[in-house]
Amino acid sequence: MNQLEKTYSIAGMTCGGCVNSLTRVLASVPGIEAVSVEVGKAVVRLDASLATSDTVKDAVARAGFEVTKETEA
């Protein structure tokens, strides 16, 4: 298993409901091992053999938000 931890800046989040929504969506994605979300930011640990940064970005978009920046955590 090849684990990566990345931090994503997220646009469009304004409240705790946004945090809960994004947390649920990210936690349901295969390959995402752990997630910590706060308004405007998500830290994700993923299994690189099952999920990629594009997988995370797609999940963020499905939740109604946009990734504006990605960095290695």
PDB file of N, CA and C in Angstrom:
ATOM      1  N   MET A   1       0.859  -1.171   0.000  1.00  0.00           N
ATOM      2  CA  MET A   1       0.000   0.000   0.000  1.00  0.00           C
ATOM      3  C   MET A   1       0.906   1.235   0.000  1.00  0.00           C
ATOM      4  N   ASN A   2       0.637   2.148  -0.907  1.00  0.00           N
ATOM      5  CA  ASN A   2       1.403   3.381  -1.042  1.00  0.00           C
ATOM      6  C   ASN A   2       0.535   4.545  -0.563  1.00  0.00           C
ATOM      7  N   GLN A   3       0.748   4.984   0.665  1.00  0.00           N
ATOM      8  CA  GLN A   3      -0.089   6.051   1.223  1.00  0.00           C
ATOM      9  C   GLN A   3       0.517   7.424   0.967  1.00  0.00           C
ATOM     10  N   LEU A   4      -0.344   8.349   0.611  1.00  0.00           N
ATOM     11  CA  LEU A   4       0.020   9.747   0.428  1.00  0.00           C
ATOM     12  C   LEU A   4      -0.889  10.586   1.308  1.00  0.00           C
ATOM     13  N   GLU A   5      -0.370  11.693   1.808  1.00  0.00           N
ATOM     14  CA  GLU A   5      -1.213  12.648   2.530  1.00  0.00           C
ATOM     15  C   GLU A   5      -1.109  13.977   1.822  1.00  0.00           C
ATOM     16  N   LYS A   6      -2.250  14.524   1.456  1.00  0.00           N
ATOM     17  CA  LYS A   6      -2.302  15.784   0.726  1.00  0.00           C
ATOM     18  C   LYS A   6      -3.287  16.733   1.387  1.00  0.00           C
ATOM     19  N   THR A   7      -2.996  18.015   1.243  1.00  0.00           N
ATOM     20  CA  THR A   7      -3.886  19.062   1.730  1.00  0.00           C
ATOM     21  C   THR A   7      -4.497  19.753   0.519  1.00  0.00           C
ATOM     22  N   TYR A   8      -5.800  19.932   0.549  1.00  0.00           N
ATOM     23  CA  TYR A   8      -6.537  20.572  -0.538  1.00  0.00           C
ATOM     24  C   TYR A   8      -7.218  21.825  -0.010  1.00  0.00           C
ATOM     25  N   SER A   9      -7.008  22.946  -0.704  1.00  0.00           N
ATOM     26  CA  SER A   9      -7.779  24.157  -0.417  1.00  0.00           C
ATOM     27  C   SER A   9      -9.084  24.027  -1.177  1.00  0.00           C
ATOM     28  N   ILE A  10     -10.191  24.299  -0.503  1.00  0.00           N
ATOM     29  CA  ILE A  10     -11.521  24.082  -1.067  1.00  0.00           C
ATOM     30  C   ILE A  10     -12.296  25.395  -1.118  1.00  0.00           C
ATOM     31  N   ALA A  11     -12.819  25.725  -2.293  1.00  0.00           N
ATOM     32  CA  ALA A  11     -13.649  26.923  -2.453  1.00  0.00           C
ATOM     33  C   ALA A  11     -15.120  26.550  -2.340  1.00  0.00           C
ATOM     34  N   GLY A  12     -15.909  27.466  -1.784  1.00  0.00           N
ATOM     35  CA  GLY A  12     -17.353  27.297  -1.726  1.00  0.00           C
ATOM     36  C   GLY A  12     -17.883  26.805  -0.391  1.00  0.00           C
ATOM     37  N   MET A  13     -17.006  26.515   0.542  1.00  0.00           N
ATOM     38  CA  MET A  13     -17.443  26.048   1.852  1.00  0.00           C
ATOM     39  C   MET A  13     -17.666  27.248   2.764  1.00  0.00           C
ATOM     40  N   THR A  14     -18.808  27.250   3.468  1.00  0.00           N
ATOM     41  CA  THR A  14     -19.133  28.407   4.308  1.00  0.00           C
ATOM     42  C   THR A  14     -19.555  28.063   5.731  1.00  0.00           C
ATOM     43  N   CYS A  15     -19.787  26.765   6.007  1.00  0.00           N
ATOM     44  CA  CYS A  15     -20.353  26.447   7.326  1.00  0.00           C
ATOM     45  C   CYS A  15     -20.061  25.011   7.729  1.00  0.00           C
ATOM     46  N   GLY A  16     -20.501  24.666   8.920  1.00  0.00           N
ATOM     47  CA  GLY A  16     -20.336  23.311   9.422  1.00  0.00           C
ATOM     48  C   GLY A  16     -21.066  22.274   8.594  1.00  0.00           C
ATOM     49  N   GLY A  17     -22.183  22.661   8.007  1.00  0.00           N
ATOM     50  CA  GLY A  17     -22.906  21.742   7.135  1.00  0.00           C
ATOM     51  C   GLY A  17     -22.076  21.357   5.923  1.00  0.00           C
ATOM     52  N   CYS A  18     -21.337  22.327   5.397  1.00  0.00           N
ATOM     53  CA  CYS A  18     -20.431  22.065   4.271  1.00  0.00           C
ATOM     54  C   CYS A  18     -19.349  21.074   4.696  1.00  0.00           C
ATOM     55  N   VAL A  19     -18.809  21.275   5.878  1.00  0.00           N
ATOM     56  CA  VAL A  19     -17.776  20.386   6.414  1.00  0.00           C
ATOM     57  C   VAL A  19     -18.321  18.962   6.523  1.00  0.00           C
ATOM     58  N   ASN A  20     -19.502  18.816   7.102  1.00  0.00           N
ATOM     59  CA  ASN A  20     -20.108  17.493   7.259  1.00  0.00           C
ATOM     60  C   ASN A  20     -20.381  16.828   5.918  1.00  0.00           C
ATOM     61  N   SER A  21     -20.894  17.594   4.972  1.00  0.00           N
ATOM     62  CA  SER A  21     -21.206  17.063   3.656  1.00  0.00           C
ATOM     63  C   SER A  21     -19.948  16.562   2.949  1.00  0.00           C
ATOM     64  N   LEU A  22     -18.909  17.377   2.932  1.00  0.00           N
ATOM     65  CA  LEU A  22     -17.677  16.980   2.259  1.00  0.00           C
ATOM     66  C   LEU A  22     -17.013  15.805   2.976  1.00  0.00           C
ATOM     67  N   THR A  23     -17.053  15.800   4.289  1.00  0.00           N
ATOM     68  CA  THR A  23     -16.478  14.691   5.045  1.00  0.00           C
ATOM     69  C   THR A  23     -17.152  13.378   4.668  1.00  0.00           C
ATOM     70  N   ARG A  24     -18.473  13.372   4.600  1.00  0.00           N
ATOM     71  CA  ARG A  24     -19.219  12.154   4.234  1.00  0.00           C
ATOM     72  C   ARG A  24     -18.849  11.684   2.834  1.00  0.00           C
ATOM     73  N   VAL A  25     -18.794  12.619   1.888  1.00  0.00           N
ATOM     74  CA  VAL A  25     -18.489  12.242   0.503  1.00  0.00           C
ATOM     75  C   VAL A  25     -17.073  11.673   0.404  1.00  0.00           C
ATOM     76  N   LEU A  26     -16.100  12.363   0.981  1.00  0.00           N
ATOM     77  CA  LEU A  26     -14.716  11.882   0.894  1.00  0.00           C
ATOM     78  C   LEU A  26     -14.531  10.549   1.604  1.00  0.00           C
ATOM     79  N   ALA A  27     -15.160  10.377   2.759  1.00  0.00           N
ATOM     80  CA  ALA A  27     -15.017   9.135   3.520  1.00  0.00           C
ATOM     81  C   ALA A  27     -15.605   7.933   2.778  1.00  0.00           C
ATOM     82  N   SER A  28     -16.499   8.173   1.837  1.00  0.00           N
ATOM     83  CA  SER A  28     -17.133   7.074   1.111  1.00  0.00           C
ATOM     84  C   SER A  28     -16.342   6.635  -0.120  1.00  0.00           C
ATOM     85  N   VAL A  29     -15.272   7.342  -0.453  1.00  0.00           N
ATOM     86  CA  VAL A  29     -14.501   7.041  -1.660  1.00  0.00           C
ATOM     87  C   VAL A  29     -13.500   5.914  -1.377  1.00  0.00           C
ATOM     88  N   PRO A  30     -13.549   4.834  -2.162  1.00  0.00           N
ATOM     89  CA  PRO A  30     -12.568   3.761  -1.987  1.00  0.00           C
ATOM     90  C   PRO A  30     -11.144   4.297  -2.170  1.00  0.00           C
ATOM     91  N   GLY A  31     -10.276   3.915  -1.267  1.00  0.00           N
ATOM     92  CA  GLY A  31      -8.885   4.354  -1.353  1.00  0.00           C
ATOM     93  C   GLY A  31      -8.561   5.529  -0.467  1.00  0.00           C
ATOM     94  N   ILE A  32      -9.582   6.246  -0.006  1.00  0.00           N
ATOM     95  CA  ILE A  32      -9.337   7.326   0.939  1.00  0.00           C
ATOM     96  C   ILE A  32      -9.357   6.706   2.334  1.00  0.00           C
ATOM     97  N   GLU A  33      -8.199   6.737   2.983  1.00  0.00           N
ATOM     98  CA  GLU A  33      -8.017   6.067   4.261  1.00  0.00           C
ATOM     99  C   GLU A  33      -8.442   6.935   5.446  1.00  0.00           C
ATOM    100  N   ALA A  34      -8.213   8.245   5.358  1.00  0.00           N
ATOM    101  CA  ALA A  34      -8.555   9.165   6.445  1.00  0.00           C
ATOM    102  C   ALA A  34      -8.784  10.545   5.862  1.00  0.00           C
ATOM    103  N   VAL A  35      -9.655  11.302   6.517  1.00  0.00           N
ATOM    104  CA  VAL A  35      -9.952  12.650   6.049  1.00  0.00           C
ATOM    105  C   VAL A  35     -10.216  13.559   7.243  1.00  0.00           C
ATOM    106  N   SER A  36      -9.717  14.773   7.142  1.00  0.00           N
ATOM    107  CA  SER A  36      -9.977  15.809   8.140  1.00  0.00           C
ATOM    108  C   SER A  36     -10.382  17.058   7.372  1.00  0.00           C
ATOM    109  N   VAL A  37     -11.600  17.526   7.624  1.00  0.00           N
ATOM    110  CA  VAL A  37     -12.137  18.659   6.862  1.00  0.00           C
ATOM    111  C   VAL A  37     -12.473  19.800   7.809  1.00  0.00           C
ATOM    112  N   GLU A  38     -12.127  21.012   7.406  1.00  0.00           N
ATOM    113  CA  GLU A  38     -12.583  22.231   8.072  1.00  0.00           C
ATOM    114  C   GLU A  38     -12.981  23.189   6.957  1.00  0.00           C
ATOM    115  N   VAL A  39     -13.633  24.280   7.301  1.00  0.00           N
ATOM    116  CA  VAL A  39     -14.094  25.220   6.277  1.00  0.00           C
ATOM    117  C   VAL A  39     -12.891  25.670   5.450  1.00  0.00           C
ATOM    118  N   GLY A  40     -12.946  25.384   4.153  1.00  0.00           N
ATOM    119  CA  GLY A  40     -11.910  25.824   3.220  1.00  0.00           C
ATOM    120  C   GLY A  40     -10.725  24.901   3.055  1.00  0.00           C
ATOM    121  N   LYS A  41     -10.719  23.753   3.744  1.00  0.00           N
ATOM    122  CA  LYS A  41      -9.528  22.904   3.701  1.00  0.00           C
ATOM    123  C   LYS A  41      -9.876  21.447   4.006  1.00  0.00           C
ATOM    124  N   ALA A  42      -9.211  20.545   3.290  1.00  0.00           N
ATOM    125  CA  ALA A  42      -9.334  19.113   3.574  1.00  0.00           C
ATOM    126  C   ALA A  42      -7.951  18.484   3.539  1.00  0.00           C
ATOM    127  N   VAL A  43      -7.657  17.680   4.551  1.00  0.00           N
ATOM    128  CA  VAL A  43      -6.429  16.892   4.575  1.00  0.00           C
ATOM    129  C   VAL A  43      -6.847  15.443   4.374  1.00  0.00           C
ATOM    130  N   VAL A  44      -6.269  14.820   3.351  1.00  0.00           N
ATOM    131  CA  VAL A  44      -6.697  13.485   2.954  1.00  0.00           C
ATOM    132  C   VAL A  44      -5.492  12.550   2.915  1.00  0.00           C
ATOM    133  N   ARG A  45      -5.638  11.388   3.539  1.00  0.00           N
ATOM    134  CA  ARG A  45      -4.642  10.322   3.404  1.00  0.00           C
ATOM    135  C   ARG A  45      -5.255   9.264   2.499  1.00  0.00           C
ATOM    136  N   LEU A  46      -4.545   8.962   1.413  1.00  0.00           N
ATOM    137  CA  LEU A  46      -5.112   8.020   0.465  1.00  0.00           C
ATOM    138  C   LEU A  46      -4.124   6.926   0.117  1.00  0.00           C
ATOM    139  N   ASP A  47      -4.679   5.813  -0.299  1.00  0.00           N
ATOM    140  CA  ASP A  47      -3.911   4.691  -0.815  1.00  0.00           C
ATOM    141  C   ASP A  47      -3.758   4.955  -2.305  1.00  0.00           C
ATOM    142  N   ALA A  48      -2.543   5.289  -2.726  1.00  0.00           N
ATOM    143  CA  ALA A  48      -2.299   5.695  -4.114  1.00  0.00           C
ATOM    144  C   ALA A  48      -2.546   4.566  -5.119  1.00  0.00           C
ATOM    145  N   SER A  49      -2.638   3.333  -4.643  1.00  0.00           N
ATOM    146  CA  SER A  49      -2.945   2.236  -5.564  1.00  0.00           C
ATOM    147  C   SER A  49      -4.444   2.156  -5.862  1.00  0.00           C
ATOM    148  N   LEU A  50      -5.264   2.859  -5.055  1.00  0.00           N
ATOM    149  CA  LEU A  50      -6.721   2.825  -5.236  1.00  0.00           C
ATOM    150  C   LEU A  50      -7.334   4.176  -5.584  1.00  0.00           C
ATOM    151  N   ALA A  51      -6.670   5.265  -5.214  1.00  0.00           N
ATOM    152  CA  ALA A  51      -7.235   6.608  -5.427  1.00  0.00           C
ATOM    153  C   ALA A  51      -6.112   7.566  -5.803  1.00  0.00           C
ATOM    154  N   THR A  52      -6.470   8.584  -6.568  1.00  0.00           N
ATOM    155  CA  THR A  52      -5.513   9.600  -7.003  1.00  0.00           C
ATOM    156  C   THR A  52      -6.028  10.981  -6.594  1.00  0.00           C
ATOM    157  N   SER A  53      -5.235  11.985  -6.853  1.00  0.00           N
ATOM    158  CA  SER A  53      -5.687  13.347  -6.596  1.00  0.00           C
ATOM    159  C   SER A  53      -6.918  13.675  -7.431  1.00  0.00           C
ATOM    160  N   ASP A  54      -6.972  13.152  -8.640  1.00  0.00           N
ATOM    161  CA  ASP A  54      -8.157  13.381  -9.479  1.00  0.00           C
ATOM    162  C   ASP A  54      -9.399  12.751  -8.850  1.00  0.00           C
ATOM    163  N   THR A  55      -9.234  11.611  -8.202  1.00  0.00           N
ATOM    164  CA  THR A  55     -10.347  10.967  -7.501  1.00  0.00           C
ATOM    165  C   THR A  55     -10.872  11.892  -6.409  1.00  0.00           C
ATOM    166  N   VAL A  56      -9.951  12.492  -5.659  1.00  0.00           N
ATOM    167  CA  VAL A  56     -10.336  13.414  -4.585  1.00  0.00           C
ATOM    168  C   VAL A  56     -11.034  14.633  -5.176  1.00  0.00           C
ATOM    169  N   LYS A  57     -10.452  15.210  -6.220  1.00  0.00           N
ATOM    170  CA  LYS A  57     -11.038  16.404  -6.846  1.00  0.00           C
ATOM    171  C   LYS A  57     -12.436  16.125  -7.386  1.00  0.00           C
ATOM    172  N   ASP A  58     -12.627  14.952  -7.988  1.00  0.00           N
ATOM    173  CA  ASP A  58     -13.959  14.578  -8.483  1.00  0.00           C
ATOM    174  C   ASP A  58     -14.962  14.465  -7.339  1.00  0.00           C
ATOM    175  N   ALA A  59     -14.536  13.878  -6.223  1.00  0.00           N
ATOM    176  CA  ALA A  59     -15.428  13.754  -5.067  1.00  0.00           C
ATOM    177  C   ALA A  59     -15.779  15.120  -4.499  1.00  0.00           C
ATOM    178  N   VAL A  60     -14.805  16.009  -4.435  1.00  0.00           N
ATOM    179  CA  VAL A  60     -15.056  17.378  -3.956  1.00  0.00           C
ATOM    180  C   VAL A  60     -16.079  18.058  -4.868  1.00  0.00           C
ATOM    181  N   ALA A  61     -15.927  17.891  -6.168  1.00  0.00           N
ATOM    182  CA  ALA A  61     -16.870  18.490  -7.126  1.00  0.00           C
ATOM    183  C   ALA A  61     -18.271  17.898  -6.963  1.00  0.00           C
ATOM    184  N   ARG A  62     -18.364  16.592  -6.724  1.00  0.00           N
ATOM    185  CA  ARG A  62     -19.670  15.957  -6.509  1.00  0.00           C
ATOM    186  C   ARG A  62     -20.355  16.519  -5.275  1.00  0.00           C
ATOM    187  N   ALA A  63     -19.567  16.929  -4.290  1.00  0.00           N
ATOM    188  CA  ALA A  63     -20.133  17.510  -3.065  1.00  0.00           C
ATOM    189  C   ALA A  63     -20.524  18.976  -3.269  1.00  0.00           C
ATOM    190  N   GLY A  64     -20.180  19.550  -4.424  1.00  0.00           N
ATOM    191  CA  GLY A  64     -20.580  20.921  -4.735  1.00  0.00           C
ATOM    192  C   GLY A  64     -19.518  21.967  -4.458  1.00  0.00           C
ATOM    193  N   PHE A  65     -18.267  21.533  -4.317  1.00  0.00           N
ATOM    194  CA  PHE A  65     -17.176  22.461  -4.013  1.00  0.00           C
ATOM    195  C   PHE A  65     -16.089  22.344  -5.078  1.00  0.00           C
ATOM    196  N   GLU A  66     -15.060  23.158  -4.949  1.00  0.00           N
ATOM    197  CA  GLU A  66     -13.979  23.167  -5.929  1.00  0.00           C
ATOM    198  C   GLU A  66     -12.626  23.177  -5.235  1.00  0.00           C
ATOM    199  N   VAL A  67     -11.716  22.325  -5.693  1.00  0.00           N
ATOM    200  CA  VAL A  67     -10.336  22.344  -5.205  1.00  0.00           C
ATOM    201  C   VAL A  67      -9.616  23.491  -5.895  1.00  0.00           C
ATOM    202  N   THR A  68      -9.024  24.387  -5.101  1.00  0.00           N
ATOM    203  CA  THR A  68      -8.307  25.529  -5.670  1.00  0.00           C
ATOM    204  C   THR A  68      -6.798  25.379  -5.552  1.00  0.00           C
ATOM    205  N   LYS A  69      -6.356  24.479  -4.666  1.00  0.00           N
ATOM    206  CA  LYS A  69      -4.921  24.270  -4.480  1.00  0.00           C
ATOM    207  C   LYS A  69      -4.705  22.905  -3.842  1.00  0.00           C
ATOM    208  N   GLU A  70      -3.589  22.266  -4.218  1.00  0.00           N
ATOM    209  CA  GLU A  70      -3.244  20.956  -3.672  1.00  0.00           C
ATOM    210  C   GLU A  70      -1.776  20.982  -3.269  1.00  0.00           C
ATOM    211  N   THR A  71      -1.479  20.515  -2.063  1.00  0.00           N
ATOM    212  CA  THR A  71      -0.083  20.448  -1.603  1.00  0.00           C
ATOM    213  C   THR A  71       0.147  19.135  -0.882  1.00  0.00           C
ATOM    214  N   GLU A  72       1.389  18.692  -0.873  1.00  0.00           N
ATOM    215  CA  GLU A  72       1.759  17.523  -0.083  1.00  0.00           C
ATOM    216  C   GLU A  72       1.691  17.915   1.379  1.00  0.00           C
ATOM    217  N   ALA A  73       1.054  17.100   2.179  1.00  0.00           N
ATOM    218  CA  ALA A  73       0.926  17.420   3.615  1.00  0.00           C
ATOM    219  C   ALA A  73       2.190  17.041   4.352  1.00  0.00           C
TER     220      ALA A  73
END
